[in-house]
């Protein structure tokens, strides 16, 4: 299989899997429906807050099981992937998942922006928030890709969602009338290194928060995490060996 044929083949595989995965289809249809419902029932501004916060999860849902099923199913032992070509395929698959998610997110952002422009409520800062949402989304692809080496059938996405749920429950349970982590993040000022480090841990698990945090260091953290995740993924796939039947 030539390099020119690799990406078209990968795109066909990714497209069929996403279209045949009920959670991915449901998430893709639910997000614009929820945003539209919130905008109509409440306001465009409220819908915008929800839209940019949830948008990175499009990437997370799309990145479910990007490695493990292909590795265990035996499909990579096909002659098409002989000579280590299966590694190129897996790397291309991750890239295609990220690109497809980015295109879908851009289409949604275009529609959402058109709605705002038509009603006179679009704000220039939304473009920056969209860029941060894309960064968080790509971080999810890298994170889910690493987890997918060890977890299959969407368990990588489930693991991330469970960790985020536990984290949010902890934040709500520890909330008090005094200023908390989210308040510090909203102003970009932390009273000391302790709260800042705790929020950095929160950002590592829930990178969506960078969309609204005024402190740019947390966006840098996510960018660094993305690069580290890509490096780990490259190492994992580059050292991957298929099991040979006895």
Protein backbone atom coordinates (compact mmCIF):
# COMPACT_ATOMS: atom_id res chain seq x y z
CA UNK A 1 0.00 0.00 0.00
CA UNK A 2 1.43 3.35 -1.05
CA UNK A 3 1.58 6.45 1.13
CA UNK A 4 -0.92 8.11 -1.20
CA UNK A 5 -3.46 5.36 -0.50
CA UNK A 6 -2.94 5.37 3.27
CA UNK A 7 -4.99 8.44 4.20
CA UNK A 8 -7.99 7.69 1.92
CA UNK A 9 -8.16 4.18 3.38
CA UNK A 10 -7.85 5.53 6.91
CA UNK A 11 -10.55 8.13 6.28
CA UNK A 12 -12.97 5.46 5.03
CA UNK A 13 -12.32 3.31 8.10
CA UNK A 14 -12.72 6.23 10.54
CA UNK A 15 -15.86 7.50 8.81
CA UNK A 16 -17.54 4.11 8.92
CA UNK A 17 -16.64 3.53 12.55
CA UNK A 18 -17.85 6.93 13.70
CA UNK A 19 -21.06 6.59 11.70
CA UNK A 20 -21.58 3.11 13.14
CA UNK A 21 -20.94 4.10 16.75
CA UNK A 22 -24.18 5.14 18.50
CA UNK A 23 -22.48 7.26 21.21
CA UNK A 24 -20.54 9.25 18.61
CA UNK A 25 -23.62 9.81 16.44
CA UNK A 26 -25.74 10.72 19.46
CA UNK A 27 -23.12 13.19 20.75
CA UNK A 28 -22.73 14.75 17.31
CA UNK A 29 -26.47 15.35 17.03
CA UNK A 30 -27.10 16.24 20.67
CA UNK A 31 -24.56 19.04 21.00
CA UNK A 32 -26.05 21.46 18.41
CA UNK A 33 -29.56 20.57 19.58
CA UNK A 34 -28.75 21.34 23.21
CA UNK A 35 -26.98 24.59 22.32
CA UNK A 36 -29.92 25.73 20.18
CA UNK A 37 -32.40 24.83 22.92
CA UNK A 38 -30.42 26.77 25.55
CA UNK A 39 -30.10 29.76 23.22
CA UNK A 40 -33.83 29.84 22.55
CA UNK A 41 -34.92 29.16 26.12
CA UNK A 42 -32.36 31.43 27.81
CA UNK A 43 -29.98 33.57 25.77
CA UNK A 44 -27.28 33.46 23.13
CA UNK A 45 -24.69 34.43 25.75
CA UNK A 46 -25.58 31.43 27.93
CA UNK A 47 -25.54 29.16 24.88
CA UNK A 48 -22.07 30.50 24.00
CA UNK A 49 -20.69 29.62 27.43
CA UNK A 50 -22.03 26.09 27.16
CA UNK A 51 -20.96 25.70 23.53
CA UNK A 52 -17.29 26.53 24.04
CA UNK A 53 -17.08 24.49 27.23
CA UNK A 54 -18.58 21.34 25.68
CA UNK A 55 -16.94 21.60 22.26
CA UNK A 56 -13.68 19.81 23.27
CA UNK A 57 -15.70 16.73 24.18
CA UNK A 58 -16.44 16.26 20.47
CA UNK A 59 -12.80 15.23 20.11
CA UNK A 60 -12.93 12.99 23.17
CA UNK A 61 -15.96 11.04 21.95
CA UNK A 62 -14.46 10.68 18.47
CA UNK A 63 -11.21 9.30 19.92
CA UNK A 64 -12.79 6.32 21.62
CA UNK A 65 -10.85 3.10 21.10
CA UNK A 66 -8.47 4.39 18.41
CA UNK A 67 -5.85 1.68 19.01
CA UNK A 68 -6.78 -1.35 21.09
CA UNK A 69 -9.56 -2.91 19.00
CA UNK A 70 -7.48 -2.80 15.83
CA UNK A 71 -4.52 -4.31 17.67
CA UNK A 72 -6.52 -7.16 19.25
CA UNK A 73 -8.82 -7.92 16.32
CA UNK A 74 -6.05 -9.15 14.02
CA UNK A 75 -7.03 -6.75 11.24
CA UNK A 76 -3.52 -5.26 11.27
CA UNK A 77 -2.08 -8.62 10.23
CA UNK A 78 -3.57 -8.07 6.78
CA UNK A 79 -1.06 -8.05 3.94
CA UNK A 80 -1.88 -4.37 3.38
CA UNK A 81 -0.06 -3.57 6.60
CA UNK A 82 2.95 -5.83 6.09
CA UNK A 83 6.43 -4.56 6.79
CA UNK A 84 5.40 -2.42 9.72
CA UNK A 85 2.86 -0.45 7.69
CA UNK A 86 0.33 -1.03 10.46
CA UNK A 87 2.22 1.55 12.52
CA UNK A 88 1.79 4.15 9.78
CA UNK A 89 -1.89 3.26 9.60
CA UNK A 90 -2.42 3.72 13.35
CA UNK A 91 -0.64 7.07 13.32
CA UNK A 92 -2.69 8.16 10.30
CA UNK A 93 -5.86 7.00 12.04
CA UNK A 94 -5.20 9.22 15.06
CA UNK A 95 -4.43 12.17 12.78
CA UNK A 96 -7.61 11.61 10.77
CA UNK A 97 -9.74 11.40 13.94
CA UNK A 98 -8.27 14.71 15.12
CA UNK A 99 -8.76 16.35 11.71
CA UNK A 100 -12.34 15.09 11.31
CA UNK A 101 -13.21 16.34 14.79
CA UNK A 102 -11.66 19.72 14.05
CA UNK A 103 -13.64 20.04 10.81
CA UNK A 104 -16.90 19.16 12.58
CA UNK A 105 -16.12 21.62 15.39
CA UNK A 106 -15.34 24.33 12.83
CA UNK A 107 -18.65 23.74 11.06
CA UNK A 108 -20.50 24.04 14.37
CA UNK A 109 -18.59 27.20 15.21
CA UNK A 110 -19.45 28.63 11.79
CA UNK A 111 -23.15 27.96 12.33
CA UNK A 112 -23.03 29.33 15.86
CA UNK A 113 -21.22 32.46 14.66
CA UNK A 114 -23.74 32.98 11.87
CA UNK A 115 -26.51 32.81 14.47
CA UNK A 116 -24.71 35.41 16.59
CA UNK A 117 -24.03 37.71 13.65
CA UNK A 118 -27.66 37.51 12.55
CA UNK A 119 -28.85 38.52 16.01
CA UNK A 120 -26.05 41.04 16.62
CA UNK A 121 -24.68 39.11 19.62
CA UNK A 122 -21.49 37.66 18.21
CA UNK A 123 -18.33 38.79 20.02
CA UNK A 124 -14.81 38.92 18.60
CA UNK A 125 -13.41 37.09 21.64
CA UNK A 126 -15.37 34.01 20.59
CA UNK A 127 -12.68 33.33 17.98
CA UNK A 128 -10.04 33.06 20.73
CA UNK A 129 -12.29 30.81 22.77
CA UNK A 130 -12.80 28.58 19.76
CA UNK A 131 -9.03 28.29 19.35
CA UNK A 132 -8.67 27.31 23.01
CA UNK A 133 -11.49 24.78 22.62
CA UNK A 134 -9.63 23.23 19.67
CA UNK A 135 -6.46 23.04 21.77
CA UNK A 136 -8.33 21.27 24.56
CA UNK A 137 -9.93 18.94 22.00
CA UNK A 138 -6.60 17.92 20.51
CA UNK A 139 -5.32 17.33 24.03
CA UNK A 140 -8.22 14.91 24.48
CA UNK A 141 -7.27 13.02 21.33
CA UNK A 142 -3.72 12.55 22.61
CA UNK A 143 -4.95 11.55 26.09
CA UNK A 144 -7.56 9.13 24.76
CA UNK A 145 -5.04 7.71 22.29
CA UNK A 146 -2.58 6.84 25.05
CA UNK A 147 -5.35 5.28 27.17
CA UNK A 148 -6.63 3.36 24.15
CA UNK A 149 -3.42 1.35 24.09
CA UNK A 150 -4.55 -0.29 27.32
CA UNK A 151 -8.35 0.13 27.32
CA UNK A 152 -10.70 -0.99 24.57
CA UNK A 153 -14.29 -0.54 23.36
CA UNK A 154 -14.57 3.08 24.44
CA UNK A 155 -13.30 2.42 27.96
CA UNK A 156 -10.67 5.11 27.42
CA UNK A 157 -13.37 7.76 27.04
CA UNK A 158 -15.36 6.33 29.94
CA UNK A 159 -12.28 6.50 32.18
CA UNK A 160 -11.80 10.19 31.38
CA UNK A 161 -15.48 11.00 31.94
CA UNK A 162 -15.54 9.17 35.27
CA UNK A 163 -12.43 11.04 36.44
CA UNK A 164 -14.02 14.34 35.42
CA UNK A 165 -17.28 13.47 37.18
CA UNK A 166 -15.46 12.59 40.41
CA UNK A 167 -13.48 15.81 40.16
CA UNK A 168 -16.57 17.96 39.65
CA UNK A 169 -18.38 16.25 42.53
CA UNK A 170 -15.37 16.99 44.72
CA UNK A 171 -15.41 20.65 43.69
CA UNK A 172 -19.12 20.99 44.40
CA UNK A 173 -18.81 19.19 47.74
CA UNK A 174 -15.94 21.44 48.82
CA UNK A 175 -17.59 24.66 47.67
CA UNK A 176 -17.94 27.39 50.29
CA UNK A 177 -19.07 31.01 50.43
CA UNK A 178 -15.41 32.02 50.28
CA UNK A 179 -13.57 32.40 47.02
CA UNK A 180 -12.64 29.05 45.50
CA UNK A 181 -10.54 27.68 42.65
CA UNK A 182 -12.99 28.73 39.95
CA UNK A 183 -13.16 32.24 41.33
CA UNK A 184 -9.37 32.52 41.34
CA UNK A 185 -9.23 31.14 37.80
CA UNK A 186 -11.88 33.59 36.59
CA UNK A 187 -9.79 36.52 37.80
CA UNK A 188 -6.45 34.99 36.85
CA UNK A 189 -5.11 35.59 40.35
CA UNK A 190 -4.30 32.85 42.85
CA UNK A 191 -3.45 33.55 46.50
CA UNK A 192 -0.43 31.27 46.37
CA UNK A 193 1.24 28.36 44.58
CA UNK A 194 -0.94 25.77 46.34
CA UNK A 195 -4.29 26.70 44.75
CA UNK A 196 -2.55 27.29 41.41
CA UNK A 197 -1.06 23.78 41.46
CA UNK A 198 -4.42 22.28 42.40
CA UNK A 199 -6.05 24.09 39.50
CA UNK A 200 -3.26 22.86 37.21
CA UNK A 201 -4.24 19.32 38.23
CA UNK A 202 -7.86 20.12 37.46
CA UNK A 203 -6.85 21.45 34.05
CA UNK A 204 -4.96 18.24 33.27
CA UNK A 205 -8.15 16.21 33.77
CA UNK A 206 -10.66 18.79 32.47
CA UNK A 207 -8.83 20.95 29.89
CA UNK A 208 -12.12 22.58 28.87
CA UNK A 209 -11.61 25.11 31.66
CA UNK A 210 -8.91 26.96 29.69
CA UNK A 211 -11.67 28.42 27.52
CA UNK A 212 -12.67 30.76 30.35
CA UNK A 213 -9.54 31.02 32.49
CA UNK A 214 -7.77 34.37 32.23
CA UNK A 215 -4.38 32.99 33.25
CA UNK A 216 -2.62 31.94 29.99
CA UNK A 217 -0.23 29.60 31.81
CA UNK A 218 -2.95 26.96 31.97
CA UNK A 219 -3.36 27.07 28.18
CA UNK A 220 0.40 26.61 27.97
CA UNK A 221 0.03 23.62 30.29
CA UNK A 222 -2.52 22.03 27.96
CA UNK A 223 -0.32 22.73 24.92
CA UNK A 224 2.63 21.10 26.70
CA UNK A 225 0.41 18.16 27.63
CA UNK A 226 -0.63 17.83 24.00
CA UNK A 227 2.98 17.71 22.84
CA UNK A 228 3.87 15.22 25.56
CA UNK A 229 0.87 13.06 24.67
CA UNK A 230 1.82 13.08 20.99
CA UNK A 231 5.37 12.06 21.90
CA UNK A 232 4.11 9.20 24.07
CA UNK A 233 1.71 8.08 21.34
CA UNK A 234 4.48 8.14 18.76
CA UNK A 235 6.64 6.02 21.05
CA UNK A 236 3.83 3.57 21.81
CA UNK A 237 2.92 3.04 18.16
CA UNK A 238 6.55 3.07 17.00
CA UNK A 239 7.46 0.24 19.40
CA UNK A 240 4.29 -1.75 18.83
CA UNK A 241 4.66 -5.37 17.78
CA UNK A 242 1.76 -7.56 16.74
CA UNK A 243 1.19 -10.87 18.45
CA UNK A 244 1.92 -13.79 16.20
CA UNK A 245 -0.22 -16.90 16.49
CA UNK A 246 1.60 -19.83 18.11
